Protein backbone atom coordinates (compact mmCIF):
# COMPACT_ATOMS: atom_id res chain seq x y z
CA UNK A 1 109.39 63.86 163.66
CA UNK A 2 107.42 64.81 166.61
CA UNK A 3 104.00 63.52 167.50
CA UNK A 4 101.33 65.20 169.67
CA UNK A 5 98.45 63.29 171.03
CA UNK A 6 95.37 65.42 172.29
CA UNK A 7 92.49 64.04 173.99
CA UNK A 8 89.36 65.80 172.53
CA UNK A 9 85.78 65.76 173.84
CA UNK A 10 82.84 66.22 171.57
CA UNK A 11 83.86 64.01 168.57
CA UNK A 12 80.88 61.81 167.87
CA UNK A 13 81.29 60.62 164.30
CA UNK A 14 83.43 60.28 161.14
CA UNK A 15 82.43 63.86 160.20
CA UNK A 16 83.67 65.45 163.48
CA UNK A 17 87.02 63.44 162.70
CA UNK A 18 87.23 64.77 159.21
CA UNK A 19 86.50 68.49 160.19
CA UNK A 20 89.37 68.22 162.79
CA UNK A 21 91.75 66.46 160.32
CA UNK A 22 91.05 69.14 157.75
CA UNK A 23 91.51 72.03 160.00
CA UNK A 24 94.74 70.86 161.37
CA UNK A 25 96.17 69.71 158.00
CA UNK A 26 95.72 73.46 156.83
CA UNK A 27 98.28 74.41 159.38
CA UNK A 28 101.80 74.89 158.08
CA UNK A 29 104.15 72.25 159.44
CA UNK A 30 101.60 69.50 160.12
CA UNK A 31 102.42 66.40 158.20
CA UNK A 32 99.70 64.05 159.27
CA UNK A 33 96.49 63.95 161.40
CA UNK A 34 94.50 60.99 162.68
CA UNK A 35 91.38 61.54 164.65
CA UNK A 36 89.51 58.71 166.22
CA UNK A 37 86.20 59.70 167.59
CA UNK A 38 85.80 56.29 169.50
CA UNK A 39 88.90 57.05 171.72
CA UNK A 40 88.39 60.87 171.70
CA UNK A 41 92.01 61.11 170.55
CA UNK A 42 93.82 63.18 167.85
CA UNK A 43 97.28 62.36 166.97
CA UNK A 44 99.12 64.88 164.95
CA UNK A 45 102.62 64.31 163.29
CA UNK A 46 104.59 67.50 162.66
CA UNK A 47 107.02 68.28 159.98
CA UNK A 48 108.62 71.19 162.13
CA UNK A 49 107.97 72.35 165.77
CA UNK A 50 104.64 74.12 166.14
CA UNK A 51 103.05 75.58 169.30
CA UNK A 52 100.78 73.11 170.65
CA UNK A 53 98.45 75.83 171.80
CA UNK A 54 97.88 76.68 168.05
CA UNK A 55 96.83 73.08 167.49
CA UNK A 56 94.38 73.23 170.35
CA UNK A 57 92.87 76.60 169.38
CA UNK A 58 92.04 75.12 165.91
CA UNK A 59 90.22 72.28 167.21
CA UNK A 60 88.35 74.50 169.84
CA UNK A 61 87.32 76.89 167.17
CA UNK A 62 85.41 74.00 165.58
CA UNK A 63 83.36 73.65 169.04
CA UNK A 64 85.28 70.67 170.35
CA UNK A 65 86.95 70.57 173.71
CA UNK A 66 90.59 69.80 174.49
CA UNK A 67 90.93 67.72 177.78
CA UNK A 68 93.97 68.81 179.74
CA UNK A 69 96.17 66.19 181.27
CA UNK A 70 96.57 66.71 184.96
């Protein structure tokens, strides 16, 4: 199974984590999501290949910012 780690800016509490986890779990092909506001990290485990942009847009639509890796 493939894992994707995203750095996310704007998470400040458990409620933020829950919003992100719920939004990503609604996407078909996502097996598990763990968001950690202390680290600003979202780890997504996939059942099948999913376009990373789709996952990033779901988080951005909630008002959070994806930190792009250089």
